[in-house]
PDB file of N, CA and C in Angstrom:
ATOM      1  N   MET A   1     -33.345  75.795-156.611  1.00  0.00           N
ATOM      2  CA  MET A   1     -32.048  75.487-157.215  1.00  0.00           C
ATOM      3  C   MET A   1     -32.217  75.446-158.732  1.00  0.00           C
ATOM      4  N   ASN A   2     -31.252  75.970-159.427  1.00  0.00           N
ATOM      5  CA  ASN A   2     -31.303  76.017-160.885  1.00  0.00           C
ATOM      6  C   ASN A   2     -30.537  74.873-161.535  1.00  0.00           C
ATOM      7  N   ILE A   3     -30.430  73.774-160.830  1.00  0.00           N
ATOM      8  CA  ILE A   3     -29.783  72.589-161.374  1.00  0.00           C
ATOM      9  C   ILE A   3     -30.847  71.519-161.553  1.00  0.00           C
ATOM     10  N   ASP A   4     -30.895  70.940-162.729  1.00  0.00           N
ATOM     11  CA  ASP A   4     -31.813  69.830-162.987  1.00  0.00           C
ATOM     12  C   ASP A   4     -31.210  68.598-162.323  1.00  0.00           C
ATOM     13  N   ARG A   5     -31.775  68.230-161.189  1.00  0.00           N
ATOM     14  CA  ARG A   5     -31.225  67.116-160.402  1.00  0.00           C
ATOM     15  C   ARG A   5     -31.260  65.802-161.174  1.00  0.00           C
ATOM     16  N   ASN A   6     -32.278  65.614-162.005  1.00  0.00           N
ATOM     17  CA  ASN A   6     -32.352  64.385-162.796  1.00  0.00           C
ATOM     18  C   ASN A   6     -31.217  64.319-163.808  1.00  0.00           C
ATOM     19  N   ALA A   7     -30.935  65.423-164.477  1.00  0.00           N
ATOM     20  CA  ALA A   7     -29.839  65.454-165.444  1.00  0.00           C
ATOM     21  C   ALA A   7     -28.507  65.215-164.739  1.00  0.00           C
ATOM     22  N   PHE A   8     -28.343  65.822-163.558  1.00  0.00           N
ATOM     23  CA  PHE A   8     -27.093  65.648-162.816  1.00  0.00           C
ATOM     24  C   PHE A   8     -26.940  64.203-162.361  1.00  0.00           C
ATOM     25  N   ALA A   9     -28.019  63.612-161.846  1.00  0.00           N
ATOM     26  CA  ALA A   9     -27.978  62.220-161.399  1.00  0.00           C
ATOM     27  C   ALA A   9     -27.700  61.278-162.564  1.00  0.00           C
ATOM     28  N   GLU A  10     -28.269  61.578-163.718  1.00  0.00           N
ATOM     29  CA  GLU A  10     -28.022  60.752-164.898  1.00  0.00           C
ATOM     30  C   GLU A  10     -26.553  60.834-165.316  1.00  0.00           C
ATOM     31  N   LEU A  11     -25.984  62.024-165.248  1.00  0.00           N
ATOM     32  CA  LEU A  11     -24.560  62.188-165.561  1.00  0.00           C
ATOM     33  C   LEU A  11     -23.721  61.376-164.586  1.00  0.00           C
ATOM     34  N   GLN A  12     -24.057  61.428-163.309  1.00  0.00           N
ATOM     35  CA  GLN A  12     -23.317  60.652-162.317  1.00  0.00           C
ATOM     36  C   GLN A  12     -23.455  59.155-162.581  1.00  0.00           C
ATOM     37  N   SER A  13     -24.640  58.729-162.955  1.00  0.00           N
ATOM     38  CA  SER A  13     -24.882  57.322-163.237  1.00  0.00           C
ATOM     39  C   SER A  13     -24.075  56.849-164.441  1.00  0.00           C
ATOM     40  N   THR A  14     -23.984  57.699-165.436  1.00  0.00           N
ATOM     41  CA  THR A  14     -23.284  57.356-166.671  1.00  0.00           C
ATOM     42  C   THR A  14     -21.767  57.443-166.514  1.00  0.00           C
ATOM     43  N   ALA A  15     -21.294  58.538-165.916  1.00  0.00           N
ATOM     44  CA  ALA A  15     -19.857  58.795-165.871  1.00  0.00           C
ATOM     45  C   ALA A  15     -19.199  58.395-164.555  1.00  0.00           C
ATOM     46  N   GLY A  16     -19.994  58.219-163.535  1.00  0.00           N
ATOM     47  CA  GLY A  16     -19.438  57.887-162.226  1.00  0.00           C
ATOM     48  C   GLY A  16     -19.378  59.106-161.325  1.00  0.00           C
ATOM     49  N   THR A  17     -19.716  58.901-160.079  1.00  0.00           N
ATOM     50  CA  THR A  17     -19.808  60.000-159.119  1.00  0.00           C
ATOM     51  C   THR A  17     -18.481  60.725-158.941  1.00  0.00           C
ATOM     52  N   GLU A  18     -17.395  59.970-158.785  1.00  0.00           N
ATOM     53  CA  GLU A  18     -16.087  60.607-158.571  1.00  0.00           C
ATOM     54  C   GLU A  18     -15.639  61.405-159.788  1.00  0.00           C
ATOM     55  N   PHE A  19     -15.868  60.851-160.974  1.00  0.00           N
ATOM     56  CA  PHE A  19     -15.469  61.551-162.194  1.00  0.00           C
ATOM     57  C   PHE A  19     -16.284  62.831-162.367  1.00  0.00           C
ATOM     58  N   VAL A  20     -17.569  62.763-162.067  1.00  0.00           N
ATOM     59  CA  VAL A  20     -18.406  63.962-162.177  1.00  0.00           C
ATOM     60  C   VAL A  20     -17.945  65.025-161.191  1.00  0.00           C
ATOM     61  N   ALA A  21     -17.537  64.620-160.008  1.00  0.00           N
ATOM     62  CA  ALA A  21     -17.005  65.586-159.035  1.00  0.00           C
ATOM     63  C   ALA A  21     -15.766  66.277-159.598  1.00  0.00           C
ATOM     64  N   GLU A  22     -14.912  65.524-160.271  1.00  0.00           N
ATOM     65  CA  GLU A  22     -13.736  66.118-160.912  1.00  0.00           C
ATOM     66  C   GLU A  22     -14.148  67.068-162.034  1.00  0.00           C
ATOM     67  N   LEU A  23     -15.153  66.660-162.821  1.00  0.00           N
ATOM     68  CA  LEU A  23     -15.643  67.518-163.900  1.00  0.00           C
ATOM     69  C   LEU A  23     -16.221  68.819-163.355  1.00  0.00           C
ATOM     70  N   VAL A  24     -16.946  68.728-162.255  1.00  0.00           N
ATOM     71  CA  VAL A  24     -17.503  69.931-161.628  1.00  0.00           C
ATOM     72  C   VAL A  24     -16.368  70.856-161.205  1.00  0.00           C
ATOM     73  N   ASP A  25     -15.342  70.298-160.567  1.00  0.00           N
ATOM     74  CA  ASP A  25     -14.198  71.117-160.147  1.00  0.00           C
ATOM     75  C   ASP A  25     -13.554  71.811-161.351  1.00  0.00           C
ATOM     76  N   THR A  26     -13.392  71.088-162.435  1.00  0.00           N
ATOM     77  CA  THR A  26     -12.793  71.665-163.642  1.00  0.00           C
ATOM     78  C   THR A  26     -13.674  72.771-164.195  1.00  0.00           C
ATOM     79  N   PHE A  27     -14.975  72.530-164.247  1.00  0.00           N
ATOM     80  CA  PHE A  27     -15.905  73.544-164.739  1.00  0.00           C
ATOM     81  C   PHE A  27     -15.847  74.801-163.880  1.00  0.00           C
ATOM     82  N   VAL A  28     -15.847  74.623-162.569  1.00  0.00           N
ATOM     83  CA  VAL A  28     -15.812  75.764-161.653  1.00  0.00           C
ATOM     84  C   VAL A  28     -14.514  76.558-161.815  1.00  0.00           C
ATOM     85  N   GLU A  29     -13.428  75.886-162.158  1.00  0.00           N
ATOM     86  CA  GLU A  29     -12.153  76.568-162.402  1.00  0.00           C
ATOM     87  C   GLU A  29     -12.113  77.239-163.771  1.00  0.00           C
ATOM     88  N   ASP A  30     -12.695  76.584-164.784  1.00  0.00           N
ATOM     89  CA  ASP A  30     -12.615  77.083-166.162  1.00  0.00           C
ATOM     90  C   ASP A  30     -13.636  78.169-166.501  1.00  0.00           C
ATOM     91  N   ALA A  31     -14.793  78.111-165.914  1.00  0.00           N
ATOM     92  CA  ALA A  31     -15.856  79.054-166.263  1.00  0.00           C
ATOM     93  C   ALA A  31     -15.461  80.519-166.051  1.00  0.00           C
ATOM     94  N   PRO A  32     -14.744  80.861-164.986  1.00  0.00           N
ATOM     95  CA  PRO A  32     -14.336  82.270-164.862  1.00  0.00           C
ATOM     96  C   PRO A  32     -13.481  82.752-166.041  1.00  0.00           C
ATOM     97  N   ARG A  33     -12.692  81.858-166.626  1.00  0.00           N
ATOM     98  CA  ARG A  33     -11.916  82.239-167.814  1.00  0.00           C
ATOM     99  C   ARG A  33     -12.846  82.475-169.005  1.00  0.00           C
ATOM    100  N   MET A  34     -13.905  81.673-169.104  1.00  0.00           N
ATOM    101  CA  MET A  34     -14.880  81.873-170.176  1.00  0.00           C
ATOM    102  C   MET A  34     -15.606  83.206-169.991  1.00  0.00           C
ATOM    103  N   LEU A  35     -15.934  83.521-168.757  1.00  0.00           N
ATOM    104  CA  LEU A  35     -16.591  84.801-168.475  1.00  0.00           C
ATOM    105  C   LEU A  35     -15.649  85.968-168.788  1.00  0.00           C
ATOM    106  N   ALA A  36     -14.383  85.816-168.452  1.00  0.00           N
ATOM    107  CA  ALA A  36     -13.403  86.852-168.790  1.00  0.00           C
ATOM    108  C   ALA A  36     -13.270  86.996-170.299  1.00  0.00           C
ATOM    109  N   GLU A  37     -13.310  85.872-171.020  1.00  0.00           N
ATOM    110  CA  GLU A  37     -13.237  85.913-172.476  1.00  0.00           C
ATOM    111  C   GLU A  37     -14.451  86.648-173.048  1.00  0.00           C
ATOM    112  N   LEU A  38     -15.623  86.430-172.461  1.00  0.00           N
ATOM    113  CA  LEU A  38     -16.814  87.171-172.895  1.00  0.00           C
ATOM    114  C   LEU A  38     -16.604  88.672-172.722  1.00  0.00           C
ATOM    115  N   ARG A  39     -16.094  89.064-171.572  1.00  0.00           N
ATOM    116  CA  ARG A  39     -15.863  90.495-171.314  1.00  0.00           C
ATOM    117  C   ARG A  39     -14.816  91.065-172.271  1.00  0.00           C
ATOM    118  N   ASP A  40     -13.732  90.326-172.483  1.00  0.00           N
ATOM    119  CA  ASP A  40     -12.682  90.784-173.399  1.00  0.00           C
ATOM    120  C   ASP A  40     -13.204  90.896-174.826  1.00  0.00           C
ATOM    121  N   ALA A  41     -13.947  89.899-175.255  1.00  0.00           N
ATOM    122  CA  ALA A  41     -14.500  89.913-176.609  1.00  0.00           C
ATOM    123  C   ALA A  41     -15.508  91.047-176.771  1.00  0.00           C
ATOM    124  N   GLN A  42     -16.287  91.293-175.726  1.00  0.00           N
ATOM    125  CA  GLN A  42     -17.236  92.405-175.776  1.00  0.00           C
ATOM    126  C   GLN A  42     -16.486  93.722-175.951  1.00  0.00           C
ATOM    127  N   ALA A  43     -15.441  93.918-175.136  1.00  0.00           N
ATOM    128  CA  ALA A  43     -14.668  95.163-175.202  1.00  0.00           C
ATOM    129  C   ALA A  43     -13.997  95.343-176.564  1.00  0.00           C
ATOM    130  N   ALA A  44     -13.570  94.233-177.164  1.00  0.00           N
ATOM    131  CA  ALA A  44     -12.884  94.298-178.466  1.00  0.00           C
ATOM    132  C   ALA A  44     -13.856  94.279-179.635  1.00  0.00           C
ATOM    133  N   GLY A  45     -15.127  94.055-179.363  1.00  0.00           N
ATOM    134  CA  GLY A  45     -16.094  93.953-180.456  1.00  0.00           C
ATOM    135  C   GLY A  45     -15.870  92.715-181.305  1.00  0.00           C
ATOM    136  N   ALA A  46     -15.335  91.660-180.685  1.00  0.00           N
ATOM    137  CA  ALA A  46     -14.983  90.424-181.395  1.00  0.00           C
ATOM    138  C   ALA A  46     -16.151  89.438-181.306  1.00  0.00           C
ATOM    139  N   ALA A  47     -17.056  89.528-182.262  1.00  0.00           N
ATOM    140  CA  ALA A  47     -18.303  88.754-182.224  1.00  0.00           C
ATOM    141  C   ALA A  47     -18.059  87.246-182.238  1.00  0.00           C
ATOM    142  N   ASP A  48     -17.129  86.768-183.053  1.00  0.00           N
ATOM    143  CA  ASP A  48     -16.879  85.319-183.117  1.00  0.00           C
ATOM    144  C   ASP A  48     -16.335  84.790-181.792  1.00  0.00           C
ATOM    145  N   ARG A  49     -15.385  85.493-181.207  1.00  0.00           N
ATOM    146  CA  ARG A  49     -14.851  85.092-179.900  1.00  0.00           C
ATOM    147  C   ARG A  49     -15.940  85.105-178.841  1.00  0.00           C
ATOM    148  N   PHE A  50     -16.773  86.123-178.884  1.00  0.00           N
ATOM    149  CA  PHE A  50     -17.866  86.253-177.931  1.00  0.00           C
ATOM    150  C   PHE A  50     -18.816  85.068-178.057  1.00  0.00           C
ATOM    151  N   ARG A  51     -19.197  84.751-179.260  1.00  0.00           N
ATOM    152  CA  ARG A  51     -20.126  83.653-179.523  1.00  0.00           C
ATOM    153  C   ARG A  51     -19.522  82.316-179.080  1.00  0.00           C
ATOM    154  N   ARG A  52     -18.239  82.092-179.375  1.00  0.00           N
ATOM    155  CA  ARG A  52     -17.589  80.832-178.972  1.00  0.00           C
ATOM    156  C   ARG A  52     -17.536  80.681-177.455  1.00  0.00           C
ATOM    157  N   ALA A  53     -17.198  81.756-176.768  1.00  0.00           N
ATOM    158  CA  ALA A  53     -17.134  81.692-175.301  1.00  0.00           C
ATOM    159  C   ALA A  53     -18.519  81.432-174.718  1.00  0.00           C
ATOM    160  N   ALA A  54     -19.527  82.099-175.243  1.00  0.00           N
ATOM    161  CA  ALA A  54     -20.898  81.877-174.764  1.00  0.00           C
ATOM    162  C   ALA A  54     -21.336  80.448-175.061  1.00  0.00           C
ATOM    163  N   HIS A  55     -20.975  79.948-176.234  1.00  0.00           N
ATOM    164  CA  HIS A  55     -21.341  78.576-176.608  1.00  0.00           C
ATOM    165  C   HIS A  55     -20.676  77.567-175.670  1.00  0.00           C
ATOM    166  N   SER A  56     -19.407  77.754-175.383  1.00  0.00           N
ATOM    167  CA  SER A  56     -18.696  76.840-174.485  1.00  0.00           C
ATOM    168  C   SER A  56     -19.328  76.821-173.103  1.00  0.00           C
ATOM    169  N   LEU A  57     -19.636  78.001-172.590  1.00  0.00           N
ATOM    170  CA  LEU A  57     -20.258  78.084-171.269  1.00  0.00           C
ATOM    171  C   LEU A  57     -21.631  77.425-171.292  1.00  0.00           C
ATOM    172  N   LYS A  58     -22.397  77.667-172.344  1.00  0.00           N
ATOM    173  CA  LYS A  58     -23.723  77.054-172.483  1.00  0.00           C
ATOM    174  C   LYS A  58     -23.621  75.533-172.510  1.00  0.00           C
ATOM    175  N   SER A  59     -22.709  75.017-173.301  1.00  0.00           N
ATOM    176  CA  SER A  59     -22.564  73.564-173.432  1.00  0.00           C
ATOM    177  C   SER A  59     -22.154  72.921-172.119  1.00  0.00           C
ATOM    178  N   ASN A  60     -21.196  73.515-171.441  1.00  0.00           N
ATOM    179  CA  ASN A  60     -20.754  72.971-170.159  1.00  0.00           C
ATOM    180  C   ASN A  60     -21.871  73.021-169.125  1.00  0.00           C
ATOM    181  N   ALA A  61     -22.575  74.124-169.063  1.00  0.00           N
ATOM    182  CA  ALA A  61     -23.671  74.255-168.108  1.00  0.00           C
ATOM    183  C   ALA A  61     -24.754  73.216-168.393  1.00  0.00           C
ATOM    184  N   SER A  62     -25.057  73.008-169.654  1.00  0.00           N
ATOM    185  CA  SER A  62     -26.076  72.027-170.041  1.00  0.00           C
ATOM    186  C   SER A  62     -25.681  70.625-169.609  1.00  0.00           C
ATOM    187  N   THR A  63     -24.415  70.293-169.728  1.00  0.00           N
ATOM    188  CA  THR A  63     -23.920  68.973-169.333  1.00  0.00           C
ATOM    189  C   THR A  63     -24.270  68.657-167.888  1.00  0.00           C
ATOM    190  N   PHE A  64     -24.196  69.656-167.029  1.00  0.00           N
ATOM    191  CA  PHE A  64     -24.441  69.459-165.599  1.00  0.00           C
ATOM    192  C   PHE A  64     -25.891  69.700-165.190  1.00  0.00           C
ATOM    193  N   GLY A  65     -26.728  70.094-166.125  1.00  0.00           N
ATOM    194  CA  GLY A  65     -28.113  70.387-165.788  1.00  0.00           C
ATOM    195  C   GLY A  65     -28.299  71.767-165.184  1.00  0.00           C
ATOM    196  N   ALA A  66     -27.323  72.653-165.385  1.00  0.00           N
ATOM    197  CA  ALA A  66     -27.429  74.037-164.896  1.00  0.00           C
ATOM    198  C   ALA A  66     -28.245  74.827-165.923  1.00  0.00           C
ATOM    199  N   SER A  67     -29.551  74.597-165.906  1.00  0.00           N
ATOM    200  CA  SER A  67     -30.420  75.073-166.976  1.00  0.00           C
ATOM    201  C   SER A  67     -30.516  76.589-167.071  1.00  0.00           C
ATOM    202  N   ARG A  68     -30.582  77.276-165.963  1.00  0.00           N
ATOM    203  CA  ARG A  68     -30.680  78.752-166.012  1.00  0.00           C
ATOM    204  C   ARG A  68     -29.384  79.347-166.553  1.00  0.00           C
ATOM    205  N   LEU A  69     -28.261  78.833-166.105  1.00  0.00           N
ATOM    206  CA  LEU A  69     -26.966  79.300-166.609  1.00  0.00           C
ATOM    207  C   LEU A  69     -26.852  79.029-168.096  1.00  0.00           C
ATOM    208  N   ALA A  70     -27.251  77.844-168.528  1.00  0.00           N
ATOM    209  CA  ALA A  70     -27.204  77.501-169.952  1.00  0.00           C
ATOM    210  C   ALA A  70     -28.104  78.418-170.764  1.00  0.00           C
ATOM    211  N   ALA A  71     -29.277  78.735-170.234  1.00  0.00           N
ATOM    212  CA  ALA A  71     -30.214  79.603-170.960  1.00  0.00           C
ATOM    213  C   ALA A  71     -29.654  81.013-171.116  1.00  0.00           C
ATOM    214  N   LEU A  72     -29.044  81.536-170.064  1.00  0.00           N
ATOM    215  CA  LEU A  72     -28.453  82.877-170.152  1.00  0.00           C
ATOM    216  C   LEU A  72     -27.298  82.899-171.148  1.00  0.00           C
ATOM    217  N   ALA A  73     -26.465  81.870-171.118  1.00  0.00           N
ATOM    218  CA  ALA A  73     -25.349  81.789-172.064  1.00  0.00           C
ATOM    219  C   ALA A  73     -25.862  81.653-173.495  1.00  0.00           C
ATOM    220  N   ARG A  74     -26.935  80.903-173.669  1.00  0.00           N
ATOM    221  CA  ARG A  74     -27.529  80.728-174.998  1.00  0.00           C
ATOM    222  C   ARG A  74     -28.040  82.061-175.541  1.00  0.00           C
ATOM    223  N   GLU A  75     -28.670  82.841-174.674  1.00  0.00           N
ATOM    224  CA  GLU A  75     -29.148  84.163-175.091  1.00  0.00           C
ATOM    225  C   GLU A  75     -27.994  85.018-175.604  1.00  0.00           C
ATOM    226  N   LEU A  76     -26.870  84.962-174.921  1.00  0.00           N
ATOM    227  CA  LEU A  76     -25.702  85.735-175.363  1.00  0.00           C
ATOM    228  C   LEU A  76     -25.130  85.164-176.653  1.00  0.00           C
ATOM    229  N   GLU A  77     -25.086  83.847-176.739  1.00  0.00           N
ATOM    230  CA  GLU A  77     -24.559  83.203-177.939  1.00  0.00           C
ATOM    231  C   GLU A  77     -25.371  83.616-179.171  1.00  0.00           C
ATOM    232  N   LEU A  78     -26.673  83.580-179.053  1.00  0.00           N
ATOM    233  CA  LEU A  78     -27.538  83.880-180.194  1.00  0.00           C
ATOM    234  C   LEU A  78     -27.759  85.370-180.398  1.00  0.00           C
ATOM    235  N   GLY A  79     -27.666  86.136-179.310  1.00  0.00           N
ATOM    236  CA  GLY A  79     -27.973  87.560-179.395  1.00  0.00           C
ATOM    237  C   GLY A  79     -26.808  88.440-179.788  1.00  0.00           C
ATOM    238  N   GLY A  80     -25.613  87.903-179.723  1.00  0.00           N
ATOM    239  CA  GLY A  80     -24.450  88.717-180.070  1.00  0.00           C
ATOM    240  C   GLY A  80     -23.994  89.570-178.903  1.00  0.00           C
ATOM    241  N   ILE A  81     -23.053  90.410-179.192  1.00  0.00           N
ATOM    242  CA  ILE A  81     -22.438  91.247-178.162  1.00  0.00           C
ATOM    243  C   ILE A  81     -23.449  92.275-177.652  1.00  0.00           C
ATOM    244  N   PRO A  82     -23.712  92.270-176.334  1.00  0.00           N
ATOM    245  CA  PRO A  82     -24.652  93.250-175.787  1.00  0.00           C
ATOM    246  C   PRO A  82     -24.025  94.640-175.709  1.00  0.00           C
ATOM    247  N   ALA A  83     -24.870  95.649-175.670  1.00  0.00           N
ATOM    248  CA  ALA A  83     -24.404  97.036-175.629  1.00  0.00           C
ATOM    249  C   ALA A  83     -23.822  97.406-174.268  1.00  0.00           C
ATOM    250  N   ASP A  84     -24.239  96.696-173.212  1.00  0.00           N
ATOM    251  CA  ASP A  84     -23.736  97.009-171.877  1.00  0.00           C
ATOM    252  C   ASP A  84     -23.293  95.729-171.169  1.00  0.00           C
ATOM    253  N   ALA A  85     -22.832  95.878-169.947  1.00  0.00           N
ATOM    254  CA  ALA A  85     -22.276  94.740-169.198  1.00  0.00           C
ATOM    255  C   ALA A  85     -23.328  93.977-168.394  1.00  0.00           C
ATOM    256  N   LEU A  86     -24.570  94.447-168.387  1.00  0.00           N
ATOM    257  CA  LEU A  86     -25.590  93.808-167.548  1.00  0.00           C
ATOM    258  C   LEU A  86     -25.809  92.336-167.854  1.00  0.00           C
ATOM    259  N   PRO A  87     -25.933  91.923-169.118  1.00  0.00           N
ATOM    260  CA  PRO A  87     -26.145  90.487-169.367  1.00  0.00           C
ATOM    261  C   PRO A  87     -24.990  89.612-168.897  1.00  0.00           C
ATOM    262  N   ILE A  88     -23.775  90.084-169.043  1.00  0.00           N
ATOM    263  CA  ILE A  88     -22.630  89.297-168.578  1.00  0.00           C
ATOM    264  C   ILE A  88     -22.594  89.278-167.050  1.00  0.00           C
ATOM    265  N   GLY A  89     -22.980  90.370-166.430  1.00  0.00           N
ATOM    266  CA  GLY A  89     -23.079  90.405-164.972  1.00  0.00           C
ATOM    267  C   GLY A  89     -24.115  89.422-164.453  1.00  0.00           C
ATOM    268  N   ALA A  90     -25.254  89.335-165.145  1.00  0.00           N
ATOM    269  CA  ALA A  90     -26.292  88.365-164.765  1.00  0.00           C
ATOM    270  C   ALA A  90     -25.774  86.946-164.937  1.00  0.00           C
ATOM    271  N   LEU A  91     -25.028  86.719-166.008  1.00  0.00           N
ATOM    272  CA  LEU A  91     -24.438  85.407-166.255  1.00  0.00           C
ATOM    273  C   LEU A  91     -23.436  85.067-165.155  1.00  0.00           C
ATOM    274  N   GLN A  92     -22.628  86.019-164.749  1.00  0.00           N
ATOM    275  CA  GLN A  92     -21.660  85.828-163.668  1.00  0.00           C
ATOM    276  C   GLN A  92     -22.369  85.447-162.373  1.00  0.00           C
ATOM    277  N   SER A  93     -23.425  86.174-162.036  1.00  0.00           N
ATOM    278  CA  SER A  93     -24.172  85.888-160.810  1.00  0.00           C
ATOM    279  C   SER A  93     -24.780  84.495-160.848  1.00  0.00           C
ATOM    280  N   GLU A  94     -25.346  84.138-161.988  1.00  0.00           N
ATOM    281  CA  GLU A  94     -25.945  82.809-162.108  1.00  0.00           C
ATOM    282  C   GLU A  94     -24.876  81.724-162.048  1.00  0.00           C
ATOM    283  N   PHE A  95     -23.703  81.981-162.637  1.00  0.00           N
ATOM    284  CA  PHE A  95     -22.605  81.019-162.535  1.00  0.00           C
ATOM    285  C   PHE A  95     -22.248  80.776-161.071  1.00  0.00           C
ATOM    286  N   GLU A  96     -22.152  81.833-160.290  1.00  0.00           N
ATOM    287  CA  GLU A  96     -21.786  81.682-158.883  1.00  0.00           C
ATOM    288  C   GLU A  96     -22.808  80.837-158.135  1.00  0.00           C
ATOM    289  N   ARG A  97     -24.095  81.048-158.409  1.00  0.00           N
ATOM    290  CA  ARG A  97     -25.136  80.235-157.775  1.00  0.00           C
ATOM    291  C   ARG A  97     -25.037  78.782-158.245  1.00  0.00           C
ATOM    292  N   ALA A  98     -24.883  78.596-159.545  1.00  0.00           N
ATOM    293  CA  ALA A  98     -24.807  77.245-160.105  1.00  0.00           C
ATOM    294  C   ALA A  98     -23.571  76.508-159.597  1.00  0.00           C
ATOM    295  N   ALA A  99     -22.436  77.197-159.520  1.00  0.00           N
ATOM    296  CA  ALA A  99     -21.206  76.562-159.051  1.00  0.00           C
ATOM    297  C   ALA A  99     -21.369  76.051-157.624  1.00  0.00           C
ATOM    298  N   ALA A 100     -21.970  76.857-156.770  1.00  0.00           N
ATOM    299  CA  ALA A 100     -22.180  76.437-155.378  1.00  0.00           C
ATOM    300  C   ALA A 100     -23.106  75.220-155.338  1.00  0.00           C
ATOM    301  N   ALA A 101     -24.180  75.249-156.112  1.00  0.00           N
ATOM    302  CA  ALA A 101     -25.127  74.126-156.124  1.00  0.00           C
ATOM    303  C   ALA A 101     -24.478  72.862-156.691  1.00  0.00           C
ATOM    304  N   LEU A 102     -23.697  73.015-157.745  1.00  0.00           N
ATOM    305  CA  LEU A 102     -23.023  71.855-158.338  1.00  0.00           C
ATOM    306  C   LEU A 102     -22.021  71.234-157.379  1.00  0.00           C
ATOM    307  N   LYS A 103     -21.273  72.072-156.684  1.00  0.00           N
ATOM    308  CA  LYS A 103     -20.319  71.550-155.705  1.00  0.00           C
ATOM    309  C   LYS A 103     -21.046  70.749-154.622  1.00  0.00           C
ATOM    310  N   ASP A 104     -22.169  71.292-154.158  1.00  0.00           N
ATOM    311  CA  ASP A 104     -22.953  70.584-153.130  1.00  0.00           C
ATOM    312  C   ASP A 104     -23.442  69.237-153.661  1.00  0.00           C
ATOM    313  N   LEU A 105     -23.977  69.231-154.864  1.00  0.00           N
ATOM    314  CA  LEU A 105     -24.481  67.988-155.434  1.00  0.00           C
ATOM    315  C   LEU A 105     -23.354  66.974-155.678  1.00  0.00           C
ATOM    316  N   ALA A 106     -22.227  67.464-156.130  1.00  0.00           N
ATOM    317  CA  ALA A 106     -21.098  66.568-156.431  1.00  0.00           C
ATOM    318  C   ALA A 106     -20.529  65.937-155.163  1.00  0.00           C
ATOM    319  N   ARG A 107     -20.606  66.658-154.074  1.00  0.00           N
ATOM    320  CA  ARG A 107     -20.059  66.152-152.811  1.00  0.00           C
ATOM    321  C   ARG A 107     -21.069  65.267-152.078  1.00  0.00           C
ATOM    322  N   GLY A 108     -22.318  65.278-152.572  1.00  0.00           N
ATOM    323  CA  GLY A 108     -23.362  64.427-151.980  1.00  0.00           C
ATOM    324  C   GLY A 108     -23.924  65.015-150.754  1.00  0.00           C
TER     325      GLY A 108
END
C-alpha cells in the first residue's frame, strides 16, 4: 500500500476519524478535477496552471500520507509540463490506487 499508515493515523488522531473520512471523500471527489486541470493546462501550454494543479494534488496527497501520489505530483510540479501524457497517466493510476486505499482506511 502506498499510504503511510502512521501519517494517516496521526491525522485521524488530530482531526477525528469521522472528519478525516469526510476529508477523504472530498479529496476523492476533487482530485479528478485536479487531474483534468493538469491535462487542460498541458494542452494549453499553461505552465502556471499546470504547476498549481500539481501542487494542490501533491499537498492533498501528502496530508493523507499518500506518499507515492505526492511524489509523482511533486515531480510534475517541479518538472513542468511534460512532452507527453504518460506522467499524467501514471499520476491518474496512482490516484486510483491511493483513493481505494484511503477509502478503506477511512472506513476502518
